[in-house]
Each structure stands twice: as structure tokens, then as C-alpha cells.
Amino acid sequence: MEAYRDQVGVWTWGIGITQAAGVDVLAYKDRPVSVQTCLDAFAALVKRRYWPDVLEAFGSFGLTEAQSAAALSFHYNTGAIGTATWVQLVKDGDLKAAEASMMTWCKPQSLVPRRASECALFFQQKWPQAMTLRCLGVKKPGYSPDPNQIRVLDVAL
């Protein structure tokens, strides 16, 4: 896996890692590494940068494993766990409003399936049927993901 430009042109590497995460993504431009290296970097980044924010946002509210995973996914994608209204609604016990509020975080529109999956996981404890990772090659010279070079890996534990 190597650096590529995502659908809006942001340089990205591995499992959606961008410069905003504090990683030198361009260090992986034209320098592919193994999927395991990407998974290890992702796990370390989540533990160091995103998980503490989720814990802080929910405070003493007891999250289940499914809720923790959904909140972490949301925060990794948006960076907004500390300001998202749905978090306070959950803590206040208004789960219906919280779920509706979480679904407002769907820009671009391509995020609707991700947000729906996070809602199903958080509010119904419904894990996705498949836990797969799509690894796409990089189409040059534009460095866009190449759907003609795709591997799907099962990453379920």
C-alpha cells in the first residue's frame, strides 16, 4: 500500500491516514509497504490520537464494546467526537435524537453507508456482517485509487 489522493484530492495512506493525523503521508508516495505495516500504523494512531478523545467525550458514561467501536469509527472519520451533538444526546438518554443527529454527519453523500453502519453498531449493537479491508492499487500519474487493482482481505478477529 502506498500514498494516494482520495476522492476529494487529499493525500492519504493506508487505512485513510492523512497529514491531519500527524503522519508524513508523502513518505509513502511511490514507496509501497505491506498491509500489515498499514494495520500496525493504523492501530498505533488510533490508540494514541483518537481513543483518548472518545474516552474524554463520553466521560463516565459506560460504553459497550460495540458503542466504543462505533464512536471511534465516527471520530476517526470526522475528528469531531468532542463537538458532535449526538454524544451529549446519548449521555442525556435521548437515543432516538442522538441517532438522527449522528446521521447528519454525511458530507459527502458517500458517507451515508458508513454513518448508517456506525448507527447500527452504536444504537442496536449490530456488528457488520463482513469485516473486510479493500486494498486498492494506485493509478498513476494522478495517484488515484485504482479499482482495477483490488484485493479484499478479511480482517475479522
N, C-alpha and C. Protein backbone atom coordinates (compact mmCIF):
# COMPACT_ATOMS: atom_id res chain seq x y z
N MET A 1 0.85 -1.17 0.00
CA MET A 1 0.00 0.00 0.00
C MET A 1 0.90 1.24 0.00
N GLU A 2 0.46 2.22 -0.80
CA GLU A 2 1.25 3.44 -0.90
C GLU A 2 0.34 4.65 -0.87
N ALA A 3 0.90 5.83 -0.80
CA ALA A 3 0.13 7.07 -0.74
C ALA A 3 -0.68 7.26 -2.02
N TYR A 4 -1.87 7.83 -1.83
CA TYR A 4 -2.77 8.10 -2.95
C TYR A 4 -3.58 9.36 -2.63
N ARG A 5 -4.26 9.87 -3.63
CA ARG A 5 -5.16 11.01 -3.43
C ARG A 5 -6.58 10.46 -3.29
N ASP A 6 -7.27 10.84 -2.21
CA ASP A 6 -8.64 10.33 -2.00
C ASP A 6 -9.61 11.02 -2.96
N GLN A 7 -10.90 10.74 -2.79
CA GLN A 7 -11.90 11.24 -3.75
C GLN A 7 -12.01 12.76 -3.81
N VAL A 8 -11.50 13.45 -2.80
CA VAL A 8 -11.50 14.92 -2.85
C VAL A 8 -10.09 15.49 -3.02
N GLY A 9 -9.13 14.62 -3.33
CA GLY A 9 -7.77 15.06 -3.64
C GLY A 9 -6.81 15.15 -2.48
N VAL A 10 -7.21 14.70 -1.29
CA VAL A 10 -6.34 14.75 -0.12
C VAL A 10 -5.36 13.57 -0.14
N TRP A 11 -4.09 13.86 0.06
CA TRP A 11 -3.10 12.78 0.13
C TRP A 11 -3.41 11.89 1.33
N THR A 12 -3.47 10.60 1.07
CA THR A 12 -3.90 9.61 2.06
C THR A 12 -3.01 8.39 1.95
N TRP A 13 -2.93 7.65 3.04
CA TRP A 13 -2.13 6.42 3.05
C TRP A 13 -2.79 5.38 3.93
N GLY A 14 -2.61 4.13 3.59
CA GLY A 14 -3.10 3.05 4.43
C GLY A 14 -4.60 3.07 4.60
N ILE A 15 -5.04 3.05 5.84
CA ILE A 15 -6.48 2.99 6.15
C ILE A 15 -6.97 4.41 6.42
N GLY A 16 -6.93 5.23 5.37
CA GLY A 16 -7.45 6.58 5.47
C GLY A 16 -6.62 7.56 6.28
N ILE A 17 -5.35 7.30 6.45
CA ILE A 17 -4.49 8.18 7.23
C ILE A 17 -4.08 9.38 6.36
N THR A 18 -4.26 10.58 6.91
CA THR A 18 -3.90 11.81 6.19
C THR A 18 -2.88 12.60 7.01
N GLN A 19 -2.37 13.66 6.40
CA GLN A 19 -1.43 14.55 7.10
C GLN A 19 -2.05 15.10 8.38
N ALA A 20 -3.38 15.30 8.38
CA ALA A 20 -4.07 15.86 9.55
C ALA A 20 -3.88 14.99 10.79
N ALA A 21 -3.55 13.72 10.60
CA ALA A 21 -3.34 12.81 11.73
C ALA A 21 -1.92 12.92 12.27
N GLY A 22 -1.12 13.77 11.65
CA GLY A 22 0.25 13.94 12.12
C GLY A 22 1.22 12.93 11.54
N VAL A 23 0.83 12.32 10.43
CA VAL A 23 1.68 11.32 9.76
C VAL A 23 2.17 11.90 8.44
N ASP A 24 3.44 11.70 8.14
CA ASP A 24 4.00 12.18 6.88
C ASP A 24 3.58 11.23 5.77
N VAL A 25 2.38 11.43 5.27
CA VAL A 25 1.79 10.56 4.26
C VAL A 25 2.63 10.51 2.99
N LEU A 26 3.23 11.63 2.61
CA LEU A 26 4.01 11.66 1.37
C LEU A 26 5.28 10.82 1.45
N ALA A 27 5.65 10.39 2.65
CA ALA A 27 6.78 9.48 2.78
C ALA A 27 6.47 8.13 2.13
N TYR A 28 5.19 7.87 1.88
CA TYR A 28 4.76 6.60 1.27
C TYR A 28 4.39 6.77 -0.20
N LYS A 29 4.63 7.94 -0.76
CA LYS A 29 4.40 8.16 -2.18
C LYS A 29 5.46 7.39 -2.95
N ASP A 30 5.01 6.49 -3.82
CA ASP A 30 5.90 5.63 -4.62
C ASP A 30 6.75 4.69 -3.76
N ARG A 31 6.34 4.47 -2.52
CA ARG A 31 7.05 3.57 -1.61
C ARG A 31 6.04 2.64 -0.92
N PRO A 32 5.56 1.64 -1.65
CA PRO A 32 4.56 0.74 -1.07
C PRO A 32 5.12 -0.05 0.12
N VAL A 33 4.23 -0.31 1.09
CA VAL A 33 4.57 -1.14 2.24
C VAL A 33 3.50 -2.22 2.37
N SER A 34 3.74 -3.17 3.24
CA SER A 34 2.80 -4.29 3.41
C SER A 34 1.51 -3.85 4.08
N VAL A 35 0.47 -4.64 3.89
CA VAL A 35 -0.80 -4.40 4.57
C VAL A 35 -0.59 -4.45 6.08
N GLN A 36 0.23 -5.37 6.56
CA GLN A 36 0.47 -5.47 8.00
C GLN A 36 1.09 -4.18 8.55
N THR A 37 2.00 -3.58 7.80
CA THR A 37 2.59 -2.30 8.22
C THR A 37 1.51 -1.23 8.33
N CYS A 38 0.58 -1.21 7.37
CA CYS A 38 -0.53 -0.25 7.42
C CYS A 38 -1.43 -0.51 8.61
N LEU A 39 -1.76 -1.77 8.87
CA LEU A 39 -2.61 -2.12 10.01
C LEU A 39 -1.95 -1.73 11.33
N ASP A 40 -0.66 -1.99 11.44
CA ASP A 40 0.08 -1.63 12.66
C ASP A 40 0.09 -0.11 12.87
N ALA A 41 0.32 0.64 11.80
CA ALA A 41 0.34 2.10 11.89
C ALA A 41 -1.04 2.63 12.27
N PHE A 42 -2.08 2.05 11.69
CA PHE A 42 -3.45 2.46 11.99
C PHE A 42 -3.78 2.20 13.46
N ALA A 43 -3.45 1.02 13.95
CA ALA A 43 -3.74 0.67 15.35
C ALA A 43 -3.01 1.61 16.31
N ALA A 44 -1.75 1.90 16.03
CA ALA A 44 -0.98 2.80 16.89
C ALA A 44 -1.56 4.22 16.86
N LEU A 45 -1.95 4.69 15.69
CA LEU A 45 -2.53 6.02 15.55
C LEU A 45 -3.85 6.13 16.31
N VAL A 46 -4.70 5.13 16.16
CA VAL A 46 -5.99 5.14 16.85
C VAL A 46 -5.79 5.17 18.36
N LYS A 47 -4.90 4.35 18.83
CA LYS A 47 -4.64 4.27 20.28
C LYS A 47 -4.09 5.59 20.83
N ARG A 48 -3.18 6.21 20.08
CA ARG A 48 -2.50 7.42 20.54
C ARG A 48 -3.35 8.68 20.37
N ARG A 49 -4.04 8.79 19.25
CA ARG A 49 -4.66 10.07 18.91
C ARG A 49 -6.18 10.11 19.02
N TYR A 50 -6.87 9.02 18.73
CA TYR A 50 -8.33 9.06 18.65
C TYR A 50 -9.04 8.45 19.87
N TRP A 51 -8.54 7.36 20.39
CA TRP A 51 -9.18 6.70 21.52
C TRP A 51 -9.27 7.60 22.76
N PRO A 52 -8.22 8.33 23.13
CA PRO A 52 -8.33 9.22 24.30
C PRO A 52 -9.45 10.26 24.16
N ASP A 53 -9.67 10.77 22.96
CA ASP A 53 -10.74 11.75 22.74
C ASP A 53 -12.12 11.13 22.95
N VAL A 54 -12.29 9.88 22.50
CA VAL A 54 -13.56 9.18 22.69
C VAL A 54 -13.83 9.00 24.18
N LEU A 55 -12.81 8.56 24.90
CA LEU A 55 -12.97 8.38 26.35
C LEU A 55 -13.33 9.69 27.04
N GLU A 56 -12.68 10.76 26.63
CA GLU A 56 -12.95 12.07 27.23
C GLU A 56 -14.37 12.54 26.90
N ALA A 57 -14.80 12.35 25.67
CA ALA A 57 -16.12 12.82 25.25
C ALA A 57 -17.24 12.13 26.03
N PHE A 58 -17.08 10.84 26.31
CA PHE A 58 -18.14 10.11 26.99
C PHE A 58 -17.97 10.09 28.51
N GLY A 59 -16.81 10.47 28.99
CA GLY A 59 -16.59 10.56 30.44
C GLY A 59 -16.97 9.29 31.16
N SER A 60 -17.80 9.41 32.16
CA SER A 60 -18.17 8.25 32.99
C SER A 60 -19.29 7.42 32.37
N PHE A 61 -19.81 7.83 31.22
CA PHE A 61 -20.84 7.05 30.55
C PHE A 61 -20.24 5.72 30.12
N GLY A 62 -20.83 4.64 30.52
CA GLY A 62 -20.29 3.31 30.21
C GLY A 62 -20.60 2.85 28.81
N LEU A 63 -19.62 2.86 27.95
CA LEU A 63 -19.79 2.40 26.58
C LEU A 63 -19.61 0.89 26.48
N THR A 64 -20.44 0.24 25.69
CA THR A 64 -20.23 -1.17 25.37
C THR A 64 -19.09 -1.27 24.36
N GLU A 65 -18.65 -2.47 24.08
CA GLU A 65 -17.61 -2.66 23.06
C GLU A 65 -18.10 -2.14 21.70
N ALA A 66 -19.34 -2.45 21.36
CA ALA A 66 -19.89 -2.00 20.08
C ALA A 66 -19.98 -0.48 20.03
N GLN A 67 -20.44 0.14 21.10
CA GLN A 67 -20.53 1.60 21.14
C GLN A 67 -19.15 2.24 21.05
N SER A 68 -18.19 1.65 21.72
CA SER A 68 -16.82 2.16 21.65
C SER A 68 -16.30 2.12 20.22
N ALA A 69 -16.53 1.00 19.55
CA ALA A 69 -16.06 0.84 18.17
C ALA A 69 -16.73 1.84 17.24
N ALA A 70 -18.05 2.03 17.41
CA ALA A 70 -18.79 2.96 16.55
C ALA A 70 -18.34 4.40 16.79
N ALA A 71 -18.18 4.77 18.06
CA ALA A 71 -17.74 6.13 18.38
C ALA A 71 -16.33 6.38 17.85
N LEU A 72 -15.48 5.39 17.96
CA LEU A 72 -14.11 5.51 17.47
C LEU A 72 -14.10 5.65 15.95
N SER A 73 -14.92 4.87 15.26
CA SER A 73 -15.02 4.97 13.81
C SER A 73 -15.49 6.37 13.40
N PHE A 74 -16.52 6.85 14.09
CA PHE A 74 -17.03 8.20 13.81
C PHE A 74 -15.94 9.24 14.00
N HIS A 75 -15.24 9.16 15.12
CA HIS A 75 -14.20 10.17 15.41
C HIS A 75 -13.03 10.07 14.44
N TYR A 76 -12.64 8.87 14.09
CA TYR A 76 -11.54 8.70 13.13
C TYR A 76 -11.90 9.34 11.80
N ASN A 77 -13.16 9.22 11.42
CA ASN A 77 -13.61 9.76 10.14
C ASN A 77 -13.84 11.27 10.18
N THR A 78 -14.35 11.79 11.30
CA THR A 78 -14.74 13.20 11.35
C THR A 78 -13.82 14.08 12.20
N GLY A 79 -13.18 13.48 13.20
CA GLY A 79 -12.39 14.26 14.15
C GLY A 79 -13.24 15.11 15.08
N ALA A 80 -14.54 14.82 15.15
CA ALA A 80 -15.46 15.72 15.85
C ALA A 80 -16.17 15.11 17.05
N ILE A 81 -15.63 14.08 17.65
CA ILE A 81 -16.32 13.45 18.78
C ILE A 81 -16.53 14.43 19.93
N GLY A 82 -15.65 15.39 20.08
CA GLY A 82 -15.75 16.35 21.17
C GLY A 82 -16.79 17.43 20.97
N THR A 83 -17.27 17.60 19.74
CA THR A 83 -18.23 18.66 19.44
C THR A 83 -19.55 18.15 18.87
N ALA A 84 -19.62 16.88 18.53
CA ALA A 84 -20.82 16.32 17.91
C ALA A 84 -21.98 16.28 18.91
N THR A 85 -23.10 16.85 18.55
CA THR A 85 -24.28 16.93 19.40
C THR A 85 -24.78 15.55 19.82
N TRP A 86 -24.64 14.56 18.95
CA TRP A 86 -25.19 13.23 19.26
C TRP A 86 -24.57 12.63 20.52
N VAL A 87 -23.34 12.99 20.84
CA VAL A 87 -22.68 12.44 22.03
C VAL A 87 -23.41 12.89 23.29
N GLN A 88 -23.70 14.19 23.40
CA GLN A 88 -24.42 14.69 24.57
C GLN A 88 -25.83 14.11 24.64
N LEU A 89 -26.47 13.94 23.48
CA LEU A 89 -27.80 13.35 23.46
C LEU A 89 -27.78 11.92 24.00
N VAL A 90 -26.75 11.17 23.67
CA VAL A 90 -26.59 9.82 24.22
C VAL A 90 -26.46 9.89 25.73
N LYS A 91 -25.59 10.76 26.19
CA LYS A 91 -25.36 10.88 27.64
C LYS A 91 -26.62 11.34 28.37
N ASP A 92 -27.48 12.10 27.68
CA ASP A 92 -28.74 12.55 28.26
C ASP A 92 -29.84 11.49 28.16
N GLY A 93 -29.55 10.40 27.44
CA GLY A 93 -30.53 9.32 27.31
C GLY A 93 -31.51 9.45 26.17
N ASP A 94 -31.32 10.44 25.30
CA ASP A 94 -32.22 10.64 24.16
C ASP A 94 -31.63 9.94 22.93
N LEU A 95 -31.75 8.62 22.91
CA LEU A 95 -31.08 7.83 21.88
C LEU A 95 -31.66 8.04 20.49
N LYS A 96 -32.96 8.25 20.39
CA LYS A 96 -33.58 8.47 19.08
C LYS A 96 -33.04 9.75 18.44
N ALA A 97 -32.99 10.81 19.22
CA ALA A 97 -32.45 12.08 18.71
C ALA A 97 -30.96 11.96 18.43
N ALA A 98 -30.26 11.20 19.26
CA ALA A 98 -28.82 11.01 19.06
C ALA A 98 -28.54 10.32 17.74
N GLU A 99 -29.32 9.29 17.45
CA GLU A 99 -29.13 8.56 16.19
C GLU A 99 -29.41 9.47 14.99
N ALA A 100 -30.48 10.23 15.06
CA ALA A 100 -30.79 11.18 13.97
C ALA A 100 -29.67 12.21 13.82
N SER A 101 -29.15 12.67 14.93
CA SER A 101 -28.06 13.65 14.90
C SER A 101 -26.79 13.06 14.28
N MET A 102 -26.48 11.82 14.62
CA MET A 102 -25.29 11.20 14.03
C MET A 102 -25.42 11.11 12.52
N MET A 103 -26.63 10.84 12.04
CA MET A 103 -26.84 10.69 10.59
C MET A 103 -26.75 12.02 9.84
N THR A 104 -26.64 13.13 10.54
CA THR A 104 -26.46 14.41 9.84
C THR A 104 -25.01 14.60 9.39
N TRP A 105 -24.12 13.73 9.84
CA TRP A 105 -22.70 13.82 9.50
C TRP A 105 -22.41 13.01 8.24
N CYS A 106 -23.05 13.36 7.14
CA CYS A 106 -22.93 12.59 5.90
C CYS A 106 -22.53 13.45 4.71
N LYS A 107 -21.51 14.27 4.89
CA LYS A 107 -20.99 15.05 3.77
C LYS A 107 -19.55 14.65 3.56
N PRO A 108 -19.20 14.14 2.38
CA PRO A 108 -20.03 13.98 1.21
C PRO A 108 -21.06 12.87 1.38
N GLN A 109 -21.99 12.83 0.46
CA GLN A 109 -23.10 11.87 0.50
C GLN A 109 -22.61 10.42 0.53
N SER A 110 -21.42 10.18 0.04
CA SER A 110 -20.86 8.81 0.04
C SER A 110 -20.66 8.28 1.46
N LEU A 111 -20.76 9.14 2.47
CA LEU A 111 -20.61 8.71 3.86
C LEU A 111 -21.87 8.10 4.47
N VAL A 112 -22.99 8.16 3.75
CA VAL A 112 -24.25 7.63 4.30
C VAL A 112 -24.12 6.16 4.73
N PRO A 113 -23.57 5.27 3.90
CA PRO A 113 -23.45 3.87 4.36
C PRO A 113 -22.57 3.71 5.59
N ARG A 114 -21.49 4.46 5.65
CA ARG A 114 -20.61 4.38 6.83
C ARG A 114 -21.34 4.83 8.08
N ARG A 115 -22.02 5.99 7.99
CA ARG A 115 -22.73 6.50 9.15
C ARG A 115 -23.85 5.56 9.57
N ALA A 116 -24.56 4.98 8.60
CA ALA A 116 -25.64 4.03 8.92
C ALA A 116 -25.07 2.80 9.64
N SER A 117 -23.91 2.35 9.21
CA SER A 117 -23.26 1.21 9.86
C SER A 117 -22.84 1.56 11.28
N GLU A 118 -22.31 2.78 11.46
CA GLU A 118 -21.93 3.22 12.81
C GLU A 118 -23.16 3.33 13.71
N CYS A 119 -24.26 3.85 13.17
CA CYS A 119 -25.50 3.93 13.95
C CYS A 119 -26.00 2.55 14.34
N ALA A 120 -26.00 1.62 13.40
CA ALA A 120 -26.45 0.25 13.70
C ALA A 120 -25.58 -0.35 14.80
N LEU A 121 -24.30 -0.09 14.74
CA LEU A 121 -23.38 -0.63 15.74
C LEU A 121 -23.59 0.06 17.10
N PHE A 122 -23.70 1.37 17.11
CA PHE A 122 -23.82 2.10 18.37
C PHE A 122 -25.18 1.89 19.03
N PHE A 123 -26.25 2.02 18.25
CA PHE A 123 -27.59 2.05 18.84
C PHE A 123 -28.29 0.69 18.88
N GLN A 124 -27.90 -0.24 18.00
CA GLN A 124 -28.53 -1.57 18.03
C GLN A 124 -27.53 -2.69 18.34
N GLN A 125 -26.27 -2.32 18.57
CA GLN A 125 -25.22 -3.30 18.86
C GLN A 125 -25.10 -4.32 17.71
N LYS A 126 -25.33 -3.85 16.48
CA LYS A 126 -25.32 -4.72 15.31
C LYS A 126 -23.99 -4.54 14.56
N TRP A 127 -23.14 -5.55 14.70
CA TRP A 127 -21.84 -5.52 14.02
C TRP A 127 -22.03 -5.79 12.54
N PRO A 128 -21.16 -5.23 11.70
CA PRO A 128 -21.24 -5.51 10.26
C PRO A 128 -21.09 -7.01 10.00
N GLN A 129 -21.76 -7.49 8.97
CA GLN A 129 -21.69 -8.91 8.61
C GLN A 129 -20.27 -9.30 8.21
N ALA A 130 -19.63 -8.45 7.46
CA ALA A 130 -18.28 -8.74 6.98
C ALA A 130 -17.32 -7.68 7.53
N MET A 131 -16.16 -8.13 7.91
CA MET A 131 -15.12 -7.21 8.37
C MET A 131 -13.97 -7.34 7.36
N THR A 132 -14.09 -6.56 6.31
CA THR A 132 -13.11 -6.66 5.23
C THR A 132 -12.39 -5.34 5.02
N LEU A 133 -11.24 -5.44 4.42
CA LEU A 133 -10.43 -4.29 4.07
C LEU A 133 -10.19 -4.36 2.57
N ARG A 134 -10.59 -3.32 1.87
CA ARG A 134 -10.36 -3.27 0.43
C ARG A 134 -9.03 -2.57 0.18
N CYS A 135 -8.12 -3.27 -0.44
CA CYS A 135 -6.80 -2.70 -0.76
C CYS A 135 -6.77 -2.42 -2.26
N LEU A 136 -6.69 -1.16 -2.60
CA LEU A 136 -6.66 -0.76 -4.00
C LEU A 136 -5.26 -0.32 -4.38
N GLY A 137 -4.91 -0.62 -5.61
CA GLY A 137 -3.65 -0.13 -6.14
C GLY A 137 -3.76 1.37 -6.41
N VAL A 138 -2.66 1.96 -6.83
CA VAL A 138 -2.63 3.39 -7.11
C VAL A 138 -2.43 3.60 -8.60
N LYS A 139 -3.33 4.38 -9.19
CA LYS A 139 -3.28 4.67 -10.62
C LYS A 139 -2.49 5.95 -10.83
N LYS A 140 -1.41 5.84 -11.55
CA LYS A 140 -0.54 7.00 -11.78
C LYS A 140 -0.71 7.49 -13.21
N PRO A 141 -0.48 8.73 -13.49
CA PRO A 141 0.26 9.71 -12.70
C PRO A 141 -0.60 10.49 -11.69
N GLY A 142 -1.92 10.31 -11.67
CA GLY A 142 -2.78 11.10 -10.80
C GLY A 142 -2.84 10.62 -9.36
N TYR A 143 -2.29 9.43 -9.09
CA TYR A 143 -2.27 8.87 -7.73
C TYR A 143 -3.67 8.68 -7.14
N SER A 144 -4.61 8.29 -7.99
CA SER A 144 -5.95 7.98 -7.50
C SER A 144 -6.04 6.48 -7.24
N PRO A 145 -6.97 6.05 -6.37
CA PRO A 145 -7.15 4.61 -6.16
C PRO A 145 -7.55 3.95 -7.47
N ASP A 146 -7.01 2.77 -7.74
CA ASP A 146 -7.28 2.06 -8.99
C ASP A 146 -8.21 0.88 -8.73
N PRO A 147 -9.49 1.00 -9.08
CA PRO A 147 -10.44 -0.08 -8.84
C PRO A 147 -10.14 -1.35 -9.65
N ASN A 148 -9.25 -1.23 -10.64
CA ASN A 148 -8.87 -2.42 -11.41
C ASN A 148 -7.80 -3.24 -10.70
N GLN A 149 -7.22 -2.69 -9.66
CA GLN A 149 -6.23 -3.40 -8.84
C GLN A 149 -6.78 -3.47 -7.42
N ILE A 150 -7.60 -4.47 -7.14
CA ILE A 150 -8.23 -4.54 -5.83
C ILE A 150 -8.03 -5.91 -5.20
N ARG A 151 -7.72 -5.88 -3.89
CA ARG A 151 -7.67 -7.10 -3.08
C ARG A 151 -8.59 -6.87 -1.88
N VAL A 152 -9.38 -7.87 -1.54
CA VAL A 152 -10.25 -7.76 -0.38
C VAL A 152 -9.73 -8.75 0.67
N LEU A 153 -9.42 -8.22 1.84
CA LEU A 153 -8.88 -9.03 2.92
C LEU A 153 -9.86 -9.11 4.07
N ASP A 154 -10.03 -10.30 4.64
CA ASP A 154 -10.87 -10.48 5.82
C ASP A 154 -10.04 -10.09 7.04
N VAL A 155 -10.50 -9.09 7.79
CA VAL A 155 -9.74 -8.63 8.95
C VAL A 155 -10.48 -8.90 10.26
N ALA A 156 -11.48 -9.78 10.20
CA ALA A 156 -12.21 -10.13 11.43
C ALA A 156 -11.28 -10.86 12.37
N LEU A 157 -11.47 -10.62 13.66
CA LEU A 157 -10.64 -11.27 14.67
C LEU A 157 -11.15 -12.66 14.95
